[in-house]
Amino acid sequence: MIAFIEGSLEEKNPAYVVVNCHGLGYLLHISLHTYSKLPDRGPVKIFAHQVIREDAHLLFGFAEEEERELFRLLISVSGVGPNTARMVLSSMSPAEVKTAIVSNNVSMLQSIKGIGAKSAQRMVVDLRDRLEKEGIFKDENLVFTNNTMHEEALSALVMLGFAKNAAQKALAAILKKKQGSPVTTEELVKEALKSF
């Protein structure tokens, strides 16, 4: 198993990178999150996950170990393959994915291309406890302390005409900022309106 590849970044695009490691070019499939974290050229260390299939040996690359761990958790869910997991990590940041899973936000996960209702529910059921128990979620597992309040605020913003995805992102950012301090649904909606 290849744990990481360190070398010179030769080619970078949103779907993959090529790393020259002592004259050998490794092609690693990446998410948009990793793409945004990597330099255009120069020395890099990319954490890797190897997938061996009958028809191919694939390498998936990650700028951070945290993203690789989340990728491995996602592919452990029945019906979620490496390409689907990469799509999840391209659609949302690792923190947003974890927040959606821990807060039981199935609709946010369903908004990702290729994730249906069953897959989203399976991800929540299979990974919620693991994220909390393994401490992978760190302090972010308290972002949505009151799921009802979050759902009410989200519903209000959608009724006001805002896109659901944009509203969810705004609420997640506000709750992360106000973590630990009490907040009402009304305050959440007002703060979210200021951010649009």
Foldseek 3Di string as FASTA:
>chain_A
DAFKAKAKWDAADQQWTWGQGPNDTDIAGEANVQSVVDDGITIAIWTWDWDDDPVDIHIHTHRDPLLVVQLVLLCVQPPQHNVNSSQQCNVDPSLLLLQCLQLVVLVLSCVGPPQHSVSSNSSNVRPNVVCVVVCSNPPSSCLCVDSVLLVVLLVVVVVVPDDSNLLNVLLSVVSVVCPPPDDGSVRSNVSSVVVD
